[in-house]
Amino acid sequence: MAQLGLTDEDGLTQAWFVDQNGRLSGGAEAVNQSLRYCWWLRPFTYFYPLPGIRPLQDRIYRWVAENRYRLPGSTPQCALPPPNSKR
């Protein structure tokens, strides 16, 4: 993480993707980048750059990331510590 210029908090708050050129993407963009490597999911990634889709996916990603501990199949490790708490 540190080699990429990311903090521990960065790693706790969203997914990250590093492409072949070393470009860093976070959040919904990172998920879309990683899905391009799965042939049957790649077609879904073409929607991300379309007008209105990026903000919608970003908003959904943020909601899921903030509420992941409430989703089915989650574990206690999915919960984030309260802001300003020491880890």
PDB file of N, CA and C in Angstrom:
ATOM      1  N   MET A   1       0.831  -1.190   0.000  1.00  0.00           N
ATOM      2  CA  MET A   1       0.000   0.000   0.000  1.00  0.00           C
ATOM      3  C   MET A   1       0.879   1.258   0.000  1.00  0.00           C
ATOM      4  N   ALA A   2       1.854   1.287   0.876  1.00  0.00           N
ATOM      5  CA  ALA A   2       2.702   2.471   0.965  1.00  0.00           C
ATOM      6  C   ALA A   2       3.448   2.719  -0.339  1.00  0.00           C
ATOM      7  N   GLN A   3       3.855   1.647  -1.023  1.00  0.00           N
ATOM      8  CA  GLN A   3       4.556   1.800  -2.300  1.00  0.00           C
ATOM      9  C   GLN A   3       3.672   2.476  -3.351  1.00  0.00           C
ATOM     10  N   LEU A   4       2.376   2.336  -3.187  1.00  0.00           N
ATOM     11  CA  LEU A   4       1.432   2.946  -4.124  1.00  0.00           C
ATOM     12  C   LEU A   4       0.994   4.342  -3.677  1.00  0.00           C
ATOM     13  N   GLY A   5       1.475   4.774  -2.516  1.00  0.00           N
ATOM     14  CA  GLY A   5       1.085   6.072  -1.988  1.00  0.00           C
ATOM     15  C   GLY A   5      -0.250   6.058  -1.284  1.00  0.00           C
ATOM     16  N   LEU A   6      -0.700   4.856  -0.867  1.00  0.00           N
ATOM     17  CA  LEU A   6      -1.984   4.717  -0.189  1.00  0.00           C
ATOM     18  C   LEU A   6      -1.777   4.521   1.311  1.00  0.00           C
ATOM     19  N   THR A   7      -2.709   5.043   2.073  1.00  0.00           N
ATOM     20  CA  THR A   7      -2.667   4.867   3.521  1.00  0.00           C
ATOM     21  C   THR A   7      -3.494   3.645   3.912  1.00  0.00           C
ATOM     22  N   ASP A   8      -3.389   3.240   5.171  1.00  0.00           N
ATOM     23  CA  ASP A   8      -4.230   2.156   5.670  1.00  0.00           C
ATOM     24  C   ASP A   8      -5.702   2.516   5.515  1.00  0.00           C
ATOM     25  N   GLU A   9      -6.030   3.751   5.803  1.00  0.00           N
ATOM     26  CA  GLU A   9      -7.425   4.194   5.678  1.00  0.00           C
ATOM     27  C   GLU A   9      -7.909   4.077   4.229  1.00  0.00           C
ATOM     28  N   ASP A  10      -7.048   4.414   3.282  1.00  0.00           N
ATOM     29  CA  ASP A  10      -7.411   4.258   1.864  1.00  0.00           C
ATOM     30  C   ASP A  10      -7.795   2.811   1.581  1.00  0.00           C
ATOM     31  N   GLY A  11      -7.031   1.878   2.121  1.00  0.00           N
ATOM     32  CA  GLY A  11      -7.301   0.465   1.895  1.00  0.00           C
ATOM     33  C   GLY A  11      -8.561  -0.030   2.575  1.00  0.00           C
ATOM     34  N   LEU A  12      -8.939   0.608   3.657  1.00  0.00           N
ATOM     35  CA  LEU A  12     -10.142   0.205   4.380  1.00  0.00           C
ATOM     36  C   LEU A  12     -11.425   0.766   3.782  1.00  0.00           C
ATOM     37  N   THR A  13     -11.310   1.843   3.045  1.00  0.00           N
ATOM     38  CA  THR A  13     -12.516   2.524   2.588  1.00  0.00           C
ATOM     39  C   THR A  13     -12.966   2.160   1.182  1.00  0.00           C
ATOM     40  N   GLN A  14     -12.038   1.636   0.346  1.00  0.00           N
ATOM     41  CA  GLN A  14     -12.454   1.251  -0.996  1.00  0.00           C
ATOM     42  C   GLN A  14     -11.469   0.276  -1.621  1.00  0.00           C
ATOM     43  N   ALA A  15     -11.929  -0.380  -2.675  1.00  0.00           N
ATOM     44  CA  ALA A  15     -11.084  -1.294  -3.443  1.00  0.00           C
ATOM     45  C   ALA A  15     -10.160  -0.476  -4.336  1.00  0.00           C
ATOM     46  N   TRP A  16      -9.003  -1.048  -4.644  1.00  0.00           N
ATOM     47  CA  TRP A  16      -8.036  -0.373  -5.506  1.00  0.00           C
ATOM     48  C   TRP A  16      -7.592  -1.306  -6.623  1.00  0.00           C
ATOM     49  N   PHE A  17      -7.245  -0.734  -7.761  1.00  0.00           N
ATOM     50  CA  PHE A  17      -6.759  -1.491  -8.906  1.00  0.00           C
ATOM     51  C   PHE A  17      -5.572  -0.743  -9.496  1.00  0.00           C
ATOM     52  N   VAL A  18      -4.509  -1.486  -9.792  1.00  0.00           N
ATOM     53  CA  VAL A  18      -3.332  -0.906 -10.439  1.00  0.00           C
ATOM     54  C   VAL A  18      -3.219  -1.549 -11.816  1.00  0.00           C
ATOM     55  N   ASP A  19      -3.268  -0.730 -12.865  1.00  0.00           N
ATOM     56  CA  ASP A  19      -3.189  -1.297 -14.210  1.00  0.00           C
ATOM     57  C   ASP A  19      -1.739  -1.564 -14.617  1.00  0.00           C
ATOM     58  N   GLN A  20      -1.548  -2.058 -15.826  1.00  0.00           N
ATOM     59  CA  GLN A  20      -0.224  -2.432 -16.314  1.00  0.00           C
ATOM     60  C   GLN A  20       0.737  -1.248 -16.384  1.00  0.00           C
ATOM     61  N   ASN A  21       0.203  -0.043 -16.496  1.00  0.00           N
ATOM     62  CA  ASN A  21       1.034   1.161 -16.563  1.00  0.00           C
ATOM     63  C   ASN A  21       1.258   1.793 -15.192  1.00  0.00           C
ATOM     64  N   GLY A  22       0.745   1.156 -14.149  1.00  0.00           N
ATOM     65  CA  GLY A  22       0.902   1.678 -12.804  1.00  0.00           C
ATOM     66  C   GLY A  22      -0.148   2.703 -12.417  1.00  0.00           C
ATOM     67  N   ARG A  23      -1.156   2.915 -13.265  1.00  0.00           N
ATOM     68  CA  ARG A  23      -2.235   3.864 -12.956  1.00  0.00           C
ATOM     69  C   ARG A  23      -3.132   3.262 -11.883  1.00  0.00           C
ATOM     70  N   LEU A  24      -3.432   4.039 -10.891  1.00  0.00           N
ATOM     71  CA  LEU A  24      -4.223   3.613  -9.750  1.00  0.00           C
ATOM     72  C   LEU A  24      -5.666   4.069  -9.904  1.00  0.00           C
ATOM     73  N   SER A  25      -6.605   3.151  -9.685  1.00  0.00           N
ATOM     74  CA  SER A  25      -8.035   3.466  -9.717  1.00  0.00           C
ATOM     75  C   SER A  25      -8.636   3.010  -8.398  1.00  0.00           C
ATOM     76  N   GLY A  26      -9.641   3.732  -7.936  1.00  0.00           N
ATOM     77  CA  GLY A  26     -10.307   3.354  -6.697  1.00  0.00           C
ATOM     78  C   GLY A  26     -11.808   3.265  -6.857  1.00  0.00           C
ATOM     79  N   GLY A  27     -12.452   2.540  -5.943  1.00  0.00           N
ATOM     80  CA  GLY A  27     -13.906   2.469  -5.913  1.00  0.00           C
ATOM     81  C   GLY A  27     -14.514   1.730  -7.084  1.00  0.00           C
ATOM     82  N   ALA A  28     -15.616   2.271  -7.603  1.00  0.00           N
ATOM     83  CA  ALA A  28     -16.333   1.632  -8.710  1.00  0.00           C
ATOM     84  C   ALA A  28     -15.459   1.521  -9.946  1.00  0.00           C
ATOM     85  N   GLU A  29     -14.612   2.496 -10.173  1.00  0.00           N
ATOM     86  CA  GLU A  29     -13.704   2.426 -11.319  1.00  0.00           C
ATOM     87  C   GLU A  29     -12.756   1.237 -11.177  1.00  0.00           C
ATOM     88  N   ALA A  30     -12.255   0.994  -9.974  1.00  0.00           N
ATOM     89  CA  ALA A  30     -11.370  -0.146  -9.726  1.00  0.00           C
ATOM     90  C   ALA A  30     -12.087  -1.462  -9.990  1.00  0.00           C
ATOM     91  N   VAL A  31     -13.328  -1.553  -9.565  1.00  0.00           N
ATOM     92  CA  VAL A  31     -14.109  -2.770  -9.799  1.00  0.00           C
ATOM     93  C   VAL A  31     -14.302  -2.972 -11.302  1.00  0.00           C
ATOM     94  N   ASN A  32     -14.644  -1.913 -12.015  1.00  0.00           N
ATOM     95  CA  ASN A  32     -14.817  -2.015 -13.455  1.00  0.00           C
ATOM     96  C   ASN A  32     -13.519  -2.416 -14.153  1.00  0.00           C
ATOM     97  N   GLN A  33     -12.411  -1.876 -13.719  1.00  0.00           N
ATOM     98  CA  GLN A  33     -11.114  -2.242 -14.299  1.00  0.00           C
ATOM     99  C   GLN A  33     -10.825  -3.726 -14.087  1.00  0.00           C
ATOM    100  N   SER A  34     -11.095  -4.220 -12.895  1.00  0.00           N
ATOM    101  CA  SER A  34     -10.803  -5.632 -12.613  1.00  0.00           C
ATOM    102  C   SER A  34     -11.753  -6.565 -13.364  1.00  0.00           C
ATOM    103  N   LEU A  35     -12.999  -6.144 -13.571  1.00  0.00           N
ATOM    104  CA  LEU A  35     -13.959  -6.981 -14.289  1.00  0.00           C
ATOM    105  C   LEU A  35     -13.589  -7.165 -15.756  1.00  0.00           C
ATOM    106  N   ARG A  36     -12.763  -6.285 -16.275  1.00  0.00           N
ATOM    107  CA  ARG A  36     -12.330  -6.409 -17.676  1.00  0.00           C
ATOM    108  C   ARG A  36     -11.484  -7.655 -17.915  1.00  0.00           C
ATOM    109  N   TYR A  37     -10.968  -8.241 -16.850  1.00  0.00           N
ATOM    110  CA  TYR A  37     -10.139  -9.439 -16.980  1.00  0.00           C
ATOM    111  C   TYR A  37     -10.964 -10.719 -16.951  1.00  0.00           C
ATOM    112  N   CYS A  38     -12.254 -10.596 -16.785  1.00  0.00           N
ATOM    113  CA  CYS A  38     -13.151 -11.749 -16.811  1.00  0.00           C
ATOM    114  C   CYS A  38     -13.998 -11.614 -18.081  1.00  0.00           C
ATOM    115  N   TRP A  39     -13.761 -12.463 -19.057  1.00  0.00           N
ATOM    116  CA  TRP A  39     -14.361 -12.295 -20.386  1.00  0.00           C
ATOM    117  C   TRP A  39     -15.878 -12.136 -20.367  1.00  0.00           C
ATOM    118  N   TRP A  40     -16.557 -12.853 -19.486  1.00  0.00           N
ATOM    119  CA  TRP A  40     -18.022 -12.790 -19.509  1.00  0.00           C
ATOM    120  C   TRP A  40     -18.575 -11.584 -18.764  1.00  0.00           C
ATOM    121  N   LEU A  41     -17.747 -10.885 -17.982  1.00  0.00           N
ATOM    122  CA  LEU A  41     -18.183  -9.657 -17.308  1.00  0.00           C
ATOM    123  C   LEU A  41     -17.732  -8.400 -18.045  1.00  0.00           C
ATOM    124  N   ARG A  42     -16.771  -8.539 -18.930  1.00  0.00           N
ATOM    125  CA  ARG A  42     -16.218  -7.388 -19.650  1.00  0.00           C
ATOM    126  C   ARG A  42     -17.299  -6.531 -20.313  1.00  0.00           C
ATOM    127  N   PRO A  43     -18.317  -7.103 -20.959  1.00  0.00           N
ATOM    128  CA  PRO A  43     -19.325  -6.242 -21.604  1.00  0.00           C
ATOM    129  C   PRO A  43     -19.993  -5.248 -20.637  1.00  0.00           C
ATOM    130  N   PHE A  44     -20.138  -5.615 -19.384  1.00  0.00           N
ATOM    131  CA  PHE A  44     -20.766  -4.709 -18.415  1.00  0.00           C
ATOM    132  C   PHE A  44     -19.900  -3.485 -18.124  1.00  0.00           C
ATOM    133  N   THR A  45     -18.605  -3.608 -18.324  1.00  0.00           N
ATOM    134  CA  THR A  45     -17.702  -2.489 -18.024  1.00  0.00           C
ATOM    135  C   THR A  45     -17.796  -1.379 -19.064  1.00  0.00           C
ATOM    136  N   TYR A  46     -18.366  -1.677 -20.222  1.00  0.00           N
ATOM    137  CA  TYR A  46     -18.490  -0.653 -21.258  1.00  0.00           C
ATOM    138  C   TYR A  46     -19.519   0.411 -20.908  1.00  0.00           C
ATOM    139  N   PHE A  47     -20.380   0.122 -19.969  1.00  0.00           N
ATOM    140  CA  PHE A  47     -21.396   1.098 -19.555  1.00  0.00           C
ATOM    141  C   PHE A  47     -20.825   2.186 -18.648  1.00  0.00           C
ATOM    142  N   TYR A  48     -19.770   1.872 -17.901  1.00  0.00           N
ATOM    143  CA  TYR A  48     -19.236   2.797 -16.891  1.00  0.00           C
ATOM    144  C   TYR A  48     -18.933   4.197 -17.436  1.00  0.00           C
ATOM    145  N   PRO A  49     -18.290   4.331 -18.599  1.00  0.00           N
ATOM    146  CA  PRO A  49     -17.978   5.686 -19.086  1.00  0.00           C
ATOM    147  C   PRO A  49     -19.172   6.463 -19.654  1.00  0.00           C
ATOM    148  N   LEU A  50     -20.304   5.819 -19.836  1.00  0.00           N
ATOM    149  CA  LEU A  50     -21.450   6.509 -20.423  1.00  0.00           C
ATOM    150  C   LEU A  50     -21.981   7.607 -19.499  1.00  0.00           C
ATOM    151  N   PRO A  51     -22.490   8.693 -20.086  1.00  0.00           N
ATOM    152  CA  PRO A  51     -23.029   9.786 -19.267  1.00  0.00           C
ATOM    153  C   PRO A  51     -24.086   9.278 -18.282  1.00  0.00           C
ATOM    154  N   GLY A  52     -23.927   9.675 -17.042  1.00  0.00           N
ATOM    155  CA  GLY A  52     -24.878   9.316 -15.994  1.00  0.00           C
ATOM    156  C   GLY A  52     -24.602   7.982 -15.313  1.00  0.00           C
ATOM    157  N   ILE A  53     -23.895   7.075 -15.984  1.00  0.00           N
ATOM    158  CA  ILE A  53     -23.642   5.752 -15.403  1.00  0.00           C
ATOM    159  C   ILE A  53     -22.537   5.810 -14.361  1.00  0.00           C
ATOM    160  N   ARG A  54     -21.450   6.512 -14.671  1.00  0.00           N
ATOM    161  CA  ARG A  54     -20.329   6.611 -13.729  1.00  0.00           C
ATOM    162  C   ARG A  54     -20.786   7.161 -12.378  1.00  0.00           C
ATOM    163  N   PRO A  55     -21.488   8.305 -12.340  1.00  0.00           N
ATOM    164  CA  PRO A  55     -21.921   8.818 -11.036  1.00  0.00           C
ATOM    165  C   PRO A  55     -22.859   7.853 -10.310  1.00  0.00           C
ATOM    166  N   LEU A  56     -23.708   7.172 -11.076  1.00  0.00           N
ATOM    167  CA  LEU A  56     -24.627   6.212 -10.471  1.00  0.00           C
ATOM    168  C   LEU A  56     -23.854   5.034  -9.864  1.00  0.00           C
ATOM    169  N   GLN A  57     -22.922   4.462 -10.627  1.00  0.00           N
ATOM    170  CA  GLN A  57     -22.135   3.345 -10.104  1.00  0.00           C
ATOM    171  C   GLN A  57     -21.272   3.791  -8.923  1.00  0.00           C
ATOM    172  N   ASP A  58     -20.698   4.989  -9.005  1.00  0.00           N
ATOM    173  CA  ASP A  58     -19.882   5.499  -7.898  1.00  0.00           C
ATOM    174  C   ASP A  58     -20.722   5.626  -6.623  1.00  0.00           C
ATOM    175  N   ARG A  59     -21.927   6.114  -6.795  1.00  0.00           N
ATOM    176  CA  ARG A  59     -22.824   6.289  -5.638  1.00  0.00           C
ATOM    177  C   ARG A  59     -23.222   4.937  -5.039  1.00  0.00           C
ATOM    178  N   ILE A  60     -23.543   3.974  -5.898  1.00  0.00           N
ATOM    179  CA  ILE A  60     -23.892   2.627  -5.425  1.00  0.00           C
ATOM    180  C   ILE A  60     -22.691   1.982  -4.748  1.00  0.00           C
ATOM    181  N   TYR A  61     -21.512   2.119  -5.351  1.00  0.00           N
ATOM    182  CA  TYR A  61     -20.304   1.554  -4.746  1.00  0.00           C
ATOM    183  C   TYR A  61     -20.091   2.136  -3.350  1.00  0.00           C
ATOM    184  N   ARG A  62     -20.198   3.451  -3.228  1.00  0.00           N
ATOM    185  CA  ARG A  62     -19.967   4.112  -1.936  1.00  0.00           C
ATOM    186  C   ARG A  62     -20.969   3.599  -0.899  1.00  0.00           C
ATOM    187  N   TRP A  63     -22.240   3.434  -1.282  1.00  0.00           N
ATOM    188  CA  TRP A  63     -23.249   2.934  -0.351  1.00  0.00           C
ATOM    189  C   TRP A  63     -22.897   1.516   0.102  1.00  0.00           C
ATOM    190  N   VAL A  64     -22.541   0.665  -0.861  1.00  0.00           N
ATOM    191  CA  VAL A  64     -22.173  -0.713  -0.518  1.00  0.00           C
ATOM    192  C   VAL A  64     -20.945  -0.721   0.399  1.00  0.00           C
ATOM    193  N   ALA A  65     -19.936   0.078   0.070  1.00  0.00           N
ATOM    194  CA  ALA A  65     -18.722   0.121   0.882  1.00  0.00           C
ATOM    195  C   ALA A  65     -19.024   0.574   2.314  1.00  0.00           C
ATOM    196  N   GLU A  66     -19.887   1.551   2.463  1.00  0.00           N
ATOM    197  CA  GLU A  66     -20.217   2.075   3.791  1.00  0.00           C
ATOM    198  C   GLU A  66     -21.130   1.139   4.585  1.00  0.00           C
ATOM    199  N   ASN A  67     -21.855   0.270   3.896  1.00  0.00           N
ATOM    200  CA  ASN A  67     -22.817  -0.610   4.557  1.00  0.00           C
ATOM    201  C   ASN A  67     -22.478  -2.088   4.412  1.00  0.00           C
ATOM    202  N   ARG A  68     -21.259  -2.395   4.026  1.00  0.00           N
ATOM    203  CA  ARG A  68     -20.885  -3.785   3.744  1.00  0.00           C
ATOM    204  C   ARG A  68     -21.082  -4.713   4.927  1.00  0.00           C
ATOM    205  N   TYR A  69     -20.960  -4.203   6.125  1.00  0.00           N
ATOM    206  CA  TYR A  69     -21.133  -5.046   7.310  1.00  0.00           C
ATOM    207  C   TYR A  69     -22.593  -5.425   7.541  1.00  0.00           C
ATOM    208  N   ARG A  70     -23.502  -4.758   6.865  1.00  0.00           N
ATOM    209  CA  ARG A  70     -24.932  -5.058   7.007  1.00  0.00           C
ATOM    210  C   ARG A  70     -25.442  -6.018   5.931  1.00  0.00           C
ATOM    211  N   LEU A  71     -24.639  -6.286   4.929  1.00  0.00           N
ATOM    212  CA  LEU A  71     -25.074  -7.086   3.789  1.00  0.00           C
ATOM    213  C   LEU A  71     -25.013  -8.574   4.111  1.00  0.00           C
ATOM    214  N   PRO A  72     -25.840  -9.371   3.453  1.00  0.00           N
ATOM    215  CA  PRO A  72     -25.818 -10.816   3.685  1.00  0.00           C
ATOM    216  C   PRO A  72     -24.431 -11.392   3.414  1.00  0.00           C
ATOM    217  N   GLY A  73     -24.010 -12.285   4.287  1.00  0.00           N
ATOM    218  CA  GLY A  73     -22.708 -12.928   4.134  1.00  0.00           C
ATOM    219  C   GLY A  73     -21.562 -12.158   4.750  1.00  0.00           C
ATOM    220  N   SER A  74     -21.845 -10.997   5.337  1.00  0.00           N
ATOM    221  CA  SER A  74     -20.763 -10.220   5.931  1.00  0.00           C
ATOM    222  C   SER A  74     -20.307 -10.849   7.239  1.00  0.00           C
ATOM    223  N   THR A  75     -19.121 -10.470   7.650  1.00  0.00           N
ATOM    224  CA  THR A  75     -18.544 -10.929   8.911  1.00  0.00           C
ATOM    225  C   THR A  75     -18.220  -9.702   9.754  1.00  0.00           C
ATOM    226  N   PRO A  76     -17.910  -9.884  11.018  1.00  0.00           N
ATOM    227  CA  PRO A  76     -17.544  -8.730  11.853  1.00  0.00           C
ATOM    228  C   PRO A  76     -16.345  -7.955  11.293  1.00  0.00           C
ATOM    229  N   GLN A  77     -15.484  -8.616  10.533  1.00  0.00           N
ATOM    230  CA  GLN A  77     -14.321  -7.941   9.964  1.00  0.00           C
ATOM    231  C   GLN A  77     -14.713  -6.924   8.893  1.00  0.00           C
ATOM    232  N   CYS A  78     -15.932  -7.013   8.395  1.00  0.00           N
ATOM    233  CA  CYS A  78     -16.391  -6.080   7.362  1.00  0.00           C
ATOM    234  C   CYS A  78     -16.693  -4.704   7.930  1.00  0.00           C
ATOM    235  N   ALA A  79     -16.945  -4.616   9.226  1.00  0.00           N
ATOM    236  CA  ALA A  79     -17.267  -3.322   9.844  1.00  0.00           C
ATOM    237  C   ALA A  79     -16.012  -2.468   9.950  1.00  0.00           C
ATOM    238  N   LEU A  80     -16.182  -1.189   9.713  1.00  0.00           N
ATOM    239  CA  LEU A  80     -15.069  -0.241   9.866  1.00  0.00           C
ATOM    240  C   LEU A  80     -15.105   0.345  11.259  1.00  0.00           C
ATOM    241  N   PRO A  81     -13.935   0.683  11.798  1.00  0.00           N
ATOM    242  CA  PRO A  81     -13.943   1.346  13.097  1.00  0.00           C
ATOM    243  C   PRO A  81     -14.554   2.748  12.956  1.00  0.00           C
ATOM    244  N   PRO A  82     -15.094   3.287  14.040  1.00  0.00           N
ATOM    245  CA  PRO A  82     -15.655   4.628  13.977  1.00  0.00           C
ATOM    246  C   PRO A  82     -14.576   5.634  13.552  1.00  0.00           C
ATOM    247  N   PRO A  83     -14.960   6.704  12.863  1.00  0.00           N
ATOM    248  CA  PRO A  83     -13.977   7.722  12.475  1.00  0.00           C
ATOM    249  C   PRO A  83     -13.213   8.239  13.685  1.00  0.00           C
ATOM    250  N   ASN A  84     -11.961   8.556  13.482  1.00  0.00           N
ATOM    251  CA  ASN A  84     -11.079   9.107  14.518  1.00  0.00           C
ATOM    252  C   ASN A  84     -10.780   8.115  15.643  1.00  0.00           C
ATOM    253  N   SER A  85     -11.015   6.823  15.449  1.00  0.00           N
ATOM    254  CA  SER A  85     -10.647   5.861  16.475  1.00  0.00           C
ATOM    255  C   SER A  85      -9.284   5.283  16.130  1.00  0.00           C
ATOM    256  N   LYS A  86      -8.595   4.792  17.121  1.00  0.00           N
ATOM    257  CA  LYS A  86      -7.281   4.192  16.908  1.00  0.00           C
ATOM    258  C   LYS A  86      -7.452   2.729  16.598  1.00  0.00           C
ATOM    259  N   ARG A  87      -6.698   2.252  15.645  1.00  0.00           N
ATOM    260  CA  ARG A  87      -6.768   0.837  15.255  1.00  0.00           C
ATOM    261  C   ARG A  87      -5.808   0.036  16.063  1.00  0.00           C
TER     262      ARG A  87
END
